Amino acid sequence: MPSDTRILIVDDHEDTLYALESALAPLGYLLGRATSGDEALKQVLRGQVGLLLLDVRMPGVGGLEVVRYMRRVEQTQHIPVILLTGFGADHELTTTAFRLGVADLVMKPVDPWALRTKVRYLYDAHRRHLALEREVRRLRALAGEHTETAAHPAHPARPGLPHPDARVPTQRPDGAHAGELEKDRT
């Protein structure tokens, strides 16, 4: 994940945005803000969002609609989302949120320490996941280059690397027979 990736905080109340930014500031991560679901979607689709703190109920596009859209788009479907609600426990909301793949549902007012712990874990896990994906792509590209090189006879074959244990015999050269190798050992 690029170093300019941020945590996007989305709420239609300015005082809540300020409180959440204050709670997360000690983590040292870049923070962004949006005051509507539409604005949040635009920022998420532009990239650089590594975690979303999202109010459930906002005028216009609400939090659940944002998550539904994000889960349908490949580039955003794995971004962790913490939904925030100030309307208390709601079984239907909880069921819907977790079916959509929301990482957590947090009740307002938010405990800053608990929120920081959740955010740190989810954000760092997402960063590690993306780093592993990049490494897998890099290794697949290298493996593809190696396969292409081996498939083209115009390229000479590279000699095998010696075994780190000097007592292990070297690999059989192309065209050598077992008997020829035995002569070399004596």
N, C-alpha and C. Protein backbone atom coordinates (compact mmCIF):
# COMPACT_ATOMS: atom_id res chain seq x y z
N MET A 1 0.85 -1.17 0.00
CA MET A 1 0.00 0.00 0.00
C MET A 1 0.89 1.23 0.00
N PRO A 2 0.63 2.14 -0.87
CA PRO A 2 1.46 3.33 -0.91
C PRO A 2 1.47 4.07 0.42
N SER A 3 2.54 4.80 0.67
CA SER A 3 2.68 5.49 1.95
C SER A 3 1.67 6.62 2.11
N ASP A 4 1.05 7.08 1.02
CA ASP A 4 0.07 8.15 1.14
C ASP A 4 -1.35 7.61 1.29
N THR A 5 -1.48 6.31 1.55
CA THR A 5 -2.79 5.72 1.79
C THR A 5 -3.31 6.23 3.13
N ARG A 6 -4.59 6.50 3.18
CA ARG A 6 -5.14 7.10 4.39
C ARG A 6 -6.36 6.35 4.89
N ILE A 7 -6.76 6.73 6.08
CA ILE A 7 -8.00 6.25 6.67
C ILE A 7 -9.04 7.33 6.38
N LEU A 8 -10.13 6.91 5.77
CA LEU A 8 -11.18 7.87 5.43
C LEU A 8 -12.28 7.80 6.48
N ILE A 9 -12.56 8.94 7.09
CA ILE A 9 -13.60 9.05 8.11
C ILE A 9 -14.80 9.75 7.46
N VAL A 10 -15.97 9.09 7.54
CA VAL A 10 -17.15 9.62 6.85
C VAL A 10 -18.29 9.78 7.85
N ASP A 11 -18.75 11.02 8.00
CA ASP A 11 -19.88 11.31 8.87
C ASP A 11 -20.45 12.65 8.43
N ASP A 12 -21.77 12.81 8.57
CA ASP A 12 -22.40 14.06 8.14
C ASP A 12 -22.39 15.12 9.24
N HIS A 13 -21.82 14.80 10.40
CA HIS A 13 -21.73 15.78 11.49
C HIS A 13 -20.27 16.17 11.71
N GLU A 14 -20.02 17.45 11.61
CA GLU A 14 -18.65 17.98 11.75
C GLU A 14 -18.04 17.64 13.11
N ASP A 15 -18.82 17.73 14.18
CA ASP A 15 -18.29 17.43 15.52
C ASP A 15 -17.87 15.97 15.65
N THR A 16 -18.58 15.06 15.00
CA THR A 16 -18.21 13.64 15.02
C THR A 16 -16.92 13.42 14.24
N LEU A 17 -16.80 14.08 13.10
CA LEU A 17 -15.56 13.98 12.32
C LEU A 17 -14.37 14.44 13.15
N TYR A 18 -14.53 15.56 13.81
CA TYR A 18 -13.45 16.10 14.64
C TYR A 18 -13.10 15.13 15.77
N ALA A 19 -14.12 14.57 16.44
CA ALA A 19 -13.87 13.64 17.55
C ALA A 19 -13.15 12.38 17.06
N LEU A 20 -13.55 11.86 15.92
CA LEU A 20 -12.90 10.66 15.38
C LEU A 20 -11.47 10.96 14.94
N GLU A 21 -11.25 12.10 14.31
CA GLU A 21 -9.88 12.49 13.94
C GLU A 21 -9.01 12.63 15.18
N SER A 22 -9.55 13.23 16.23
CA SER A 22 -8.79 13.39 17.48
C SER A 22 -8.47 12.04 18.11
N ALA A 23 -9.42 11.12 18.05
CA ALA A 23 -9.19 9.79 18.62
C ALA A 23 -8.12 9.02 17.85
N LEU A 24 -8.05 9.20 16.53
CA LEU A 24 -7.12 8.43 15.70
C LEU A 24 -5.77 9.12 15.49
N ALA A 25 -5.69 10.40 15.78
CA ALA A 25 -4.45 11.15 15.55
C ALA A 25 -3.22 10.51 16.20
N PRO A 26 -3.30 9.97 17.43
CA PRO A 26 -2.11 9.38 18.04
C PRO A 26 -1.51 8.20 17.25
N LEU A 27 -2.28 7.60 16.36
CA LEU A 27 -1.76 6.48 15.57
C LEU A 27 -0.75 6.96 14.52
N GLY A 28 -0.86 8.21 14.12
CA GLY A 28 0.09 8.75 13.15
C GLY A 28 -0.23 8.43 11.70
N TYR A 29 -1.38 7.86 11.41
CA TYR A 29 -1.76 7.56 10.04
C TYR A 29 -2.33 8.81 9.37
N LEU A 30 -2.26 8.84 8.05
CA LEU A 30 -2.91 9.91 7.30
C LEU A 30 -4.42 9.74 7.41
N LEU A 31 -5.12 10.81 7.65
CA LEU A 31 -6.57 10.76 7.78
C LEU A 31 -7.21 11.64 6.73
N GLY A 32 -8.31 11.15 6.17
CA GLY A 32 -9.11 11.94 5.24
C GLY A 32 -10.51 12.03 5.80
N ARG A 33 -11.30 12.91 5.24
CA ARG A 33 -12.67 13.06 5.73
C ARG A 33 -13.62 13.27 4.57
N ALA A 34 -14.85 12.83 4.80
CA ALA A 34 -15.93 13.06 3.84
C ALA A 34 -17.20 13.28 4.67
N THR A 35 -18.12 14.09 4.15
CA THR A 35 -19.34 14.38 4.89
C THR A 35 -20.58 13.75 4.27
N SER A 36 -20.39 12.92 3.25
CA SER A 36 -21.54 12.24 2.64
C SER A 36 -21.07 10.92 2.02
N GLY A 37 -22.04 10.03 1.77
CA GLY A 37 -21.73 8.76 1.12
C GLY A 37 -21.21 8.96 -0.29
N ASP A 38 -21.79 9.92 -1.02
CA ASP A 38 -21.33 10.22 -2.39
C ASP A 38 -19.87 10.65 -2.40
N GLU A 39 -19.55 11.57 -1.49
CA GLU A 39 -18.17 12.06 -1.41
C GLU A 39 -17.22 10.93 -1.01
N ALA A 40 -17.66 10.07 -0.11
CA ALA A 40 -16.84 8.93 0.31
C ALA A 40 -16.56 8.00 -0.87
N LEU A 41 -17.59 7.69 -1.65
CA LEU A 41 -17.40 6.81 -2.81
C LEU A 41 -16.42 7.41 -3.81
N LYS A 42 -16.52 8.70 -4.04
CA LYS A 42 -15.60 9.34 -4.98
C LYS A 42 -14.16 9.20 -4.50
N GLN A 43 -13.94 9.43 -3.21
CA GLN A 43 -12.57 9.32 -2.67
C GLN A 43 -12.07 7.87 -2.71
N VAL A 44 -12.94 6.94 -2.38
CA VAL A 44 -12.55 5.53 -2.37
C VAL A 44 -12.19 5.09 -3.79
N LEU A 45 -12.98 5.50 -4.76
CA LEU A 45 -12.73 5.11 -6.15
C LEU A 45 -11.47 5.76 -6.72
N ARG A 46 -11.07 6.91 -6.18
CA ARG A 46 -9.82 7.55 -6.62
C ARG A 46 -8.61 6.78 -6.09
N GLY A 47 -8.82 5.92 -5.12
CA GLY A 47 -7.72 5.14 -4.55
C GLY A 47 -7.15 5.80 -3.32
N GLN A 48 -6.12 5.20 -2.79
CA GLN A 48 -5.38 5.71 -1.64
C GLN A 48 -6.15 5.62 -0.32
N VAL A 49 -7.23 4.84 -0.26
CA VAL A 49 -7.95 4.63 0.99
C VAL A 49 -7.67 3.21 1.46
N GLY A 50 -7.14 3.09 2.68
CA GLY A 50 -6.79 1.79 3.22
C GLY A 50 -7.74 1.30 4.29
N LEU A 51 -8.63 2.16 4.74
CA LEU A 51 -9.63 1.80 5.76
C LEU A 51 -10.71 2.88 5.74
N LEU A 52 -11.94 2.45 5.96
CA LEU A 52 -13.06 3.37 5.95
C LEU A 52 -13.79 3.29 7.28
N LEU A 53 -13.93 4.43 7.95
CA LEU A 53 -14.79 4.58 9.13
C LEU A 53 -16.02 5.29 8.62
N LEU A 54 -17.17 4.62 8.66
CA LEU A 54 -18.32 5.07 7.89
C LEU A 54 -19.59 5.11 8.74
N ASP A 55 -20.20 6.28 8.82
CA ASP A 55 -21.47 6.42 9.51
C ASP A 55 -22.55 5.66 8.73
N VAL A 56 -23.45 5.00 9.46
CA VAL A 56 -24.50 4.22 8.82
C VAL A 56 -25.56 5.13 8.21
N ARG A 57 -26.05 6.07 9.01
CA ARG A 57 -27.18 6.89 8.57
C ARG A 57 -26.71 8.31 8.26
N MET A 58 -26.79 8.62 6.97
CA MET A 58 -26.46 9.96 6.49
C MET A 58 -27.50 10.34 5.44
N PRO A 59 -27.72 11.63 5.24
CA PRO A 59 -28.65 12.03 4.18
C PRO A 59 -28.12 11.57 2.82
N GLY A 60 -29.02 11.21 1.94
CA GLY A 60 -28.59 10.74 0.61
C GLY A 60 -28.11 9.30 0.69
N VAL A 61 -26.91 9.07 0.26
CA VAL A 61 -26.33 7.73 0.24
C VAL A 61 -25.81 7.40 1.64
N GLY A 62 -26.39 6.38 2.27
CA GLY A 62 -25.99 5.98 3.61
C GLY A 62 -24.83 5.00 3.59
N GLY A 63 -24.35 4.67 4.77
CA GLY A 63 -23.19 3.79 4.91
C GLY A 63 -23.36 2.42 4.28
N LEU A 64 -24.52 1.79 4.47
CA LEU A 64 -24.72 0.45 3.90
C LEU A 64 -24.71 0.48 2.37
N GLU A 65 -25.24 1.54 1.79
CA GLU A 65 -25.23 1.66 0.32
C GLU A 65 -23.79 1.83 -0.19
N VAL A 66 -22.99 2.58 0.55
CA VAL A 66 -21.58 2.75 0.18
C VAL A 66 -20.88 1.39 0.19
N VAL A 67 -21.11 0.62 1.25
CA VAL A 67 -20.47 -0.70 1.35
C VAL A 67 -20.96 -1.63 0.24
N ARG A 68 -22.26 -1.61 -0.04
CA ARG A 68 -22.78 -2.46 -1.13
C ARG A 68 -22.07 -2.15 -2.45
N TYR A 69 -21.92 -0.88 -2.74
CA TYR A 69 -21.26 -0.49 -3.98
C TYR A 69 -19.78 -0.92 -3.97
N MET A 70 -19.10 -0.66 -2.86
CA MET A 70 -17.68 -1.01 -2.75
C MET A 70 -17.45 -2.50 -2.97
N ARG A 71 -18.33 -3.33 -2.47
CA ARG A 71 -18.15 -4.79 -2.56
C ARG A 71 -18.37 -5.30 -3.98
N ARG A 72 -19.01 -4.49 -4.84
CA ARG A 72 -19.22 -4.89 -6.24
C ARG A 72 -18.07 -4.47 -7.15
N VAL A 73 -17.20 -3.59 -6.66
CA VAL A 73 -16.09 -3.07 -7.48
C VAL A 73 -14.80 -3.74 -7.02
N GLU A 74 -14.10 -4.36 -7.96
CA GLU A 74 -12.91 -5.13 -7.61
C GLU A 74 -11.86 -4.32 -6.84
N GLN A 75 -11.60 -3.11 -7.24
CA GLN A 75 -10.54 -2.32 -6.61
C GLN A 75 -10.88 -1.89 -5.19
N THR A 76 -12.15 -1.96 -4.79
CA THR A 76 -12.55 -1.50 -3.45
C THR A 76 -13.13 -2.60 -2.58
N GLN A 77 -13.33 -3.79 -3.11
CA GLN A 77 -14.06 -4.80 -2.35
C GLN A 77 -13.32 -5.34 -1.13
N HIS A 78 -12.01 -5.14 -1.05
CA HIS A 78 -11.26 -5.66 0.09
C HIS A 78 -10.86 -4.57 1.10
N ILE A 79 -11.30 -3.36 0.88
CA ILE A 79 -10.98 -2.30 1.83
C ILE A 79 -11.79 -2.55 3.10
N PRO A 80 -11.12 -2.62 4.25
CA PRO A 80 -11.87 -2.84 5.49
C PRO A 80 -12.74 -1.64 5.84
N VAL A 81 -13.93 -1.95 6.37
CA VAL A 81 -14.89 -0.92 6.73
C VAL A 81 -15.34 -1.14 8.17
N ILE A 82 -15.30 -0.06 8.94
CA ILE A 82 -15.90 -0.04 10.28
C ILE A 82 -17.11 0.87 10.19
N LEU A 83 -18.29 0.30 10.42
CA LEU A 83 -19.51 1.11 10.41
C LEU A 83 -19.73 1.72 11.79
N LEU A 84 -20.20 2.95 11.80
CA LEU A 84 -20.49 3.67 13.04
C LEU A 84 -21.97 4.00 13.08
N THR A 85 -22.58 3.77 14.24
CA THR A 85 -23.98 4.12 14.39
C THR A 85 -24.25 4.71 15.76
N GLY A 86 -25.12 5.68 15.78
CA GLY A 86 -25.51 6.31 17.04
C GLY A 86 -26.92 5.93 17.46
N PHE A 87 -27.50 4.93 16.78
CA PHE A 87 -28.89 4.57 17.05
C PHE A 87 -29.03 3.29 17.85
N GLY A 88 -27.97 2.85 18.50
CA GLY A 88 -28.05 1.67 19.36
C GLY A 88 -28.02 0.37 18.59
N ALA A 89 -28.08 -0.71 19.35
CA ALA A 89 -28.02 -2.06 18.77
C ALA A 89 -29.26 -2.33 17.92
N ASP A 90 -29.04 -2.86 16.75
CA ASP A 90 -30.12 -3.18 15.82
C ASP A 90 -29.75 -4.50 15.15
N HIS A 91 -30.51 -5.55 15.43
CA HIS A 91 -30.18 -6.88 14.91
C HIS A 91 -30.15 -6.90 13.38
N GLU A 92 -31.12 -6.26 12.76
CA GLU A 92 -31.18 -6.25 11.29
C GLU A 92 -29.96 -5.53 10.69
N LEU A 93 -29.60 -4.39 11.27
CA LEU A 93 -28.42 -3.65 10.82
C LEU A 93 -27.16 -4.50 10.97
N THR A 94 -27.02 -5.12 12.13
CA THR A 94 -25.84 -5.96 12.40
C THR A 94 -25.75 -7.10 11.39
N THR A 95 -26.86 -7.78 11.16
CA THR A 95 -26.88 -8.90 10.21
C THR A 95 -26.52 -8.43 8.81
N THR A 96 -27.13 -7.35 8.37
CA THR A 96 -26.86 -6.82 7.03
C THR A 96 -25.40 -6.40 6.90
N ALA A 97 -24.89 -5.70 7.90
CA ALA A 97 -23.51 -5.20 7.85
C ALA A 97 -22.52 -6.35 7.73
N PHE A 98 -22.67 -7.37 8.55
CA PHE A 98 -21.70 -8.46 8.51
C PHE A 98 -21.87 -9.32 7.27
N ARG A 99 -23.06 -9.41 6.72
CA ARG A 99 -23.24 -10.12 5.44
C ARG A 99 -22.52 -9.38 4.31
N LEU A 100 -22.43 -8.07 4.42
CA LEU A 100 -21.73 -7.28 3.41
C LEU A 100 -20.21 -7.32 3.59
N GLY A 101 -19.75 -7.93 4.65
CA GLY A 101 -18.30 -8.04 4.86
C GLY A 101 -17.70 -6.89 5.65
N VAL A 102 -18.53 -6.19 6.42
CA VAL A 102 -18.02 -5.11 7.25
C VAL A 102 -17.16 -5.72 8.36
N ALA A 103 -16.03 -5.09 8.66
CA ALA A 103 -15.12 -5.62 9.67
C ALA A 103 -15.67 -5.47 11.08
N ASP A 104 -16.37 -4.36 11.34
CA ASP A 104 -16.91 -4.15 12.68
C ASP A 104 -18.01 -3.11 12.62
N LEU A 105 -18.88 -3.17 13.63
CA LEU A 105 -19.96 -2.21 13.79
C LEU A 105 -19.78 -1.61 15.18
N VAL A 106 -19.54 -0.30 15.24
CA VAL A 106 -19.21 0.38 16.49
C VAL A 106 -20.32 1.36 16.84
N MET A 107 -20.70 1.34 18.10
CA MET A 107 -21.73 2.25 18.60
C MET A 107 -21.11 3.57 19.05
N LYS A 108 -21.82 4.66 18.74
CA LYS A 108 -21.41 5.97 19.22
C LYS A 108 -22.06 6.19 20.58
N PRO A 109 -21.47 6.90 21.50
CA PRO A 109 -20.14 7.49 21.42
C PRO A 109 -19.06 6.41 21.43
N VAL A 110 -18.00 6.68 20.73
CA VAL A 110 -16.93 5.71 20.51
C VAL A 110 -15.89 5.79 21.62
N ASP A 111 -15.45 4.63 22.08
CA ASP A 111 -14.35 4.56 23.03
C ASP A 111 -13.05 4.75 22.23
N PRO A 112 -12.32 5.85 22.43
CA PRO A 112 -11.14 6.12 21.60
C PRO A 112 -10.09 5.02 21.66
N TRP A 113 -9.83 4.46 22.82
CA TRP A 113 -8.82 3.42 22.93
C TRP A 113 -9.22 2.18 22.13
N ALA A 114 -10.47 1.74 22.27
CA ALA A 114 -10.95 0.56 21.53
C ALA A 114 -10.92 0.84 20.03
N LEU A 115 -11.32 2.05 19.63
CA LEU A 115 -11.31 2.39 18.20
C LEU A 115 -9.89 2.37 17.65
N ARG A 116 -8.94 2.95 18.37
CA ARG A 116 -7.55 2.95 17.91
C ARG A 116 -7.04 1.52 17.74
N THR A 117 -7.37 0.65 18.69
CA THR A 117 -6.92 -0.75 18.62
C THR A 117 -7.49 -1.42 17.38
N LYS A 118 -8.78 -1.26 17.13
CA LYS A 118 -9.41 -1.88 15.96
C LYS A 118 -8.84 -1.32 14.66
N VAL A 119 -8.70 0.00 14.61
CA VAL A 119 -8.20 0.64 13.40
C VAL A 119 -6.77 0.20 13.12
N ARG A 120 -5.92 0.21 14.14
CA ARG A 120 -4.52 -0.20 13.95
C ARG A 120 -4.46 -1.62 13.39
N TYR A 121 -5.22 -2.53 13.99
CA TYR A 121 -5.20 -3.92 13.54
C TYR A 121 -5.69 -4.05 12.09
N LEU A 122 -6.85 -3.48 11.79
CA LEU A 122 -7.42 -3.63 10.45
C LEU A 122 -6.58 -2.94 9.38
N TYR A 123 -6.10 -1.74 9.67
CA TYR A 123 -5.32 -0.99 8.70
C TYR A 123 -3.99 -1.70 8.42
N ASP A 124 -3.31 -2.13 9.47
CA ASP A 124 -2.04 -2.83 9.28
C ASP A 124 -2.23 -4.18 8.59
N ALA A 125 -3.30 -4.90 8.93
CA ALA A 125 -3.57 -6.18 8.27
C ALA A 125 -3.84 -5.96 6.78
N HIS A 126 -4.58 -4.92 6.45
CA HIS A 126 -4.86 -4.61 5.05
C HIS A 126 -3.58 -4.24 4.31
N ARG A 127 -2.71 -3.47 4.95
CA ARG A 127 -1.43 -3.11 4.33
C ARG A 127 -0.59 -4.36 4.08
N ARG A 128 -0.54 -5.27 5.05
CA ARG A 128 0.23 -6.52 4.86
C ARG A 128 -0.37 -7.36 3.75
N HIS A 129 -1.69 -7.42 3.68
CA HIS A 129 -2.37 -8.18 2.62
C HIS A 129 -2.00 -7.63 1.24
N LEU A 130 -2.03 -6.33 1.09
CA LEU A 130 -1.67 -5.72 -0.19
C LEU A 130 -0.20 -5.94 -0.53
N ALA A 131 0.67 -5.87 0.47
CA ALA A 131 2.10 -6.12 0.24
C ALA A 131 2.31 -7.56 -0.23
N LEU A 132 1.59 -8.50 0.37
CA LEU A 132 1.70 -9.90 -0.07
C LEU A 132 1.19 -10.08 -1.49
N GLU A 133 0.10 -9.41 -1.83
CA GLU A 133 -0.41 -9.48 -3.20
C GLU A 133 0.61 -8.96 -4.20
N ARG A 134 1.25 -7.83 -3.85
CA ARG A 134 2.29 -7.28 -4.74
C ARG A 134 3.44 -8.26 -4.89
N GLU A 135 3.85 -8.88 -3.81
CA GLU A 135 4.95 -9.85 -3.85
C GLU A 135 4.58 -11.07 -4.69
N VAL A 136 3.35 -11.54 -4.57
CA VAL A 136 2.90 -12.68 -5.37
C VAL A 136 2.92 -12.30 -6.85
N ARG A 137 2.44 -11.10 -7.19
CA ARG A 137 2.48 -10.67 -8.60
C ARG A 137 3.91 -10.58 -9.11
N ARG A 138 4.81 -10.06 -8.27
CA ARG A 138 6.21 -9.94 -8.67
C ARG A 138 6.82 -11.32 -8.89
N LEU A 139 6.55 -12.25 -7.99
CA LEU A 139 7.10 -13.60 -8.13
C LEU A 139 6.51 -14.32 -9.33
N ARG A 140 5.22 -14.11 -9.58
CA ARG A 140 4.61 -14.73 -10.77
C ARG A 140 5.23 -14.18 -12.04
N ALA A 141 5.52 -12.88 -12.04
CA ALA A 141 6.16 -12.28 -13.21
C ALA A 141 7.55 -12.87 -13.40
N LEU A 142 8.29 -13.03 -12.31
CA LEU A 142 9.61 -13.65 -12.40
C LEU A 142 9.53 -15.08 -12.87
N ALA A 143 8.56 -15.82 -12.34
CA ALA A 143 8.38 -17.21 -12.76
C ALA A 143 8.00 -17.28 -14.23
N GLY A 144 7.17 -16.34 -14.67
CA GLY A 144 6.80 -16.29 -16.09
C GLY A 144 8.00 -16.01 -16.96
N GLU A 145 8.88 -15.10 -16.54
CA GLU A 145 10.09 -14.82 -17.28
C GLU A 145 10.99 -16.05 -17.33
N HIS A 146 11.09 -16.74 -16.20
CA HIS A 146 11.92 -17.94 -16.13
C HIS A 146 11.37 -19.03 -17.05
N THR A 147 10.04 -19.19 -17.08
CA THR A 147 9.40 -20.18 -17.93
C THR A 147 9.63 -19.84 -19.39
N GLU A 148 9.50 -18.56 -19.74
CA GLU A 148 9.72 -18.14 -21.12
C GLU A 148 11.17 -18.37 -21.52
N THR A 149 12.11 -18.08 -20.64
CA THR A 149 13.52 -18.27 -20.93
C THR A 149 13.82 -19.75 -21.16
N ALA A 150 13.27 -20.61 -20.31
CA ALA A 150 13.52 -22.05 -20.44
C ALA A 150 12.85 -22.62 -21.68
N ALA A 151 11.75 -22.03 -22.11
CA ALA A 151 11.01 -22.54 -23.27
C ALA A 151 11.66 -22.15 -24.59
N HIS A 152 12.51 -21.16 -24.60
CA HIS A 152 13.15 -20.71 -25.84
C HIS A 152 14.55 -21.33 -25.94
N PRO A 153 14.77 -22.26 -26.87
CA PRO A 153 16.08 -22.89 -27.00
C PRO A 153 17.18 -21.92 -27.44
N ALA A 154 16.83 -20.77 -27.93
CA ALA A 154 17.84 -19.81 -28.36
C ALA A 154 18.65 -19.32 -27.16
N HIS A 155 18.04 -19.38 -25.98
CA HIS A 155 18.73 -18.95 -24.76
C HIS A 155 19.46 -20.15 -24.17
N PRO A 156 20.73 -20.00 -23.86
CA PRO A 156 21.43 -21.12 -23.26
C PRO A 156 20.89 -21.39 -21.85
N ALA A 157 20.88 -22.67 -21.48
CA ALA A 157 20.43 -23.05 -20.14
C ALA A 157 21.45 -22.59 -19.12
N ARG A 158 20.97 -22.13 -18.01
CA ARG A 158 21.87 -21.70 -16.94
C ARG A 158 22.35 -22.94 -16.18
N PRO A 159 23.60 -22.94 -15.78
CA PRO A 159 24.04 -24.09 -15.00
C PRO A 159 23.35 -24.08 -13.64
N GLY A 160 23.14 -25.29 -13.08
CA GLY A 160 22.50 -25.40 -11.78
C GLY A 160 23.39 -24.84 -10.69
N LEU A 161 22.79 -24.32 -9.67
CA LEU A 161 23.55 -23.81 -8.54
C LEU A 161 24.11 -24.98 -7.74
N PRO A 162 25.31 -24.84 -7.22
CA PRO A 162 25.85 -25.93 -6.41
C PRO A 162 25.05 -26.06 -5.13
N HIS A 163 24.95 -27.26 -4.64
CA HIS A 163 24.23 -27.52 -3.40
C HIS A 163 25.03 -26.91 -2.25
N PRO A 164 24.38 -26.30 -1.28
CA PRO A 164 25.11 -25.66 -0.19
C PRO A 164 25.94 -26.66 0.64
N ASP A 165 25.55 -27.92 0.62
CA ASP A 165 26.31 -28.94 1.32
C ASP A 165 27.28 -29.54 0.30
N ALA A 166 28.57 -29.30 0.45
CA ALA A 166 29.58 -29.71 -0.54
C ALA A 166 29.63 -31.22 -0.71
N ARG A 167 29.08 -32.00 0.23
CA ARG A 167 29.13 -33.46 0.11
C ARG A 167 28.11 -33.99 -0.88
N VAL A 168 27.13 -33.17 -1.28
CA VAL A 168 26.13 -33.60 -2.23
C VAL A 168 26.71 -33.47 -3.63
N PRO A 169 26.65 -34.56 -4.45
CA PRO A 169 27.24 -34.48 -5.79
C PRO A 169 26.54 -33.44 -6.65
N THR A 170 27.27 -32.90 -7.61
CA THR A 170 26.71 -31.91 -8.52
C THR A 170 25.67 -32.56 -9.41
N GLN A 171 24.84 -31.72 -10.02
CA GLN A 171 23.80 -32.24 -10.90
C GLN A 171 24.44 -32.85 -12.13
N ARG A 172 23.76 -33.85 -12.70
CA ARG A 172 24.24 -34.53 -13.89
C ARG A 172 24.21 -33.56 -15.06
N PRO A 173 25.34 -33.41 -15.75
CA PRO A 173 25.35 -32.53 -16.93
C PRO A 173 24.44 -33.11 -18.01
N ASP A 174 23.94 -32.25 -18.90
CA ASP A 174 23.08 -32.73 -19.99
C ASP A 174 23.81 -33.81 -20.77
N GLY A 175 23.11 -34.92 -21.02
CA GLY A 175 23.65 -36.01 -21.81
C GLY A 175 24.53 -36.97 -21.02
N ALA A 176 24.84 -36.71 -19.78
CA ALA A 176 25.69 -37.62 -19.00
C ALA A 176 24.85 -38.78 -18.50
N HIS A 177 25.49 -39.94 -18.41
CA HIS A 177 24.82 -41.14 -17.91
C HIS A 177 25.32 -41.43 -16.52
N ALA A 178 24.56 -42.25 -15.79
CA ALA A 178 24.92 -42.57 -14.41
C ALA A 178 26.33 -43.16 -14.31
N GLY A 179 26.70 -43.98 -15.27
CA GLY A 179 28.03 -44.59 -15.26
C GLY A 179 29.14 -43.55 -15.34
N GLU A 180 28.94 -42.51 -16.15
CA GLU A 180 29.93 -41.48 -16.30
C GLU A 180 30.11 -40.70 -15.00
N LEU A 181 29.01 -40.51 -14.29
CA LEU A 181 29.09 -39.81 -13.02
C LEU A 181 29.86 -40.64 -11.99
N GLU A 182 29.68 -41.97 -12.02
CA GLU A 182 30.38 -42.84 -11.08
C GLU A 182 31.90 -42.73 -11.29
N LYS A 183 32.33 -42.63 -12.55
CA LYS A 183 33.76 -42.52 -12.84
C LYS A 183 34.30 -41.22 -12.23
N ASP A 184 33.49 -40.15 -12.29
CA ASP A 184 33.94 -38.87 -11.75
C ASP A 184 34.16 -38.93 -10.24
N ARG A 185 33.37 -39.74 -9.54
CA ARG A 185 33.45 -39.81 -8.10
C ARG A 185 34.65 -40.61 -7.60
N THR A 186 35.18 -41.51 -8.44
CA THR A 186 36.28 -42.38 -7.99
C THR A 186 37.63 -41.74 -8.17
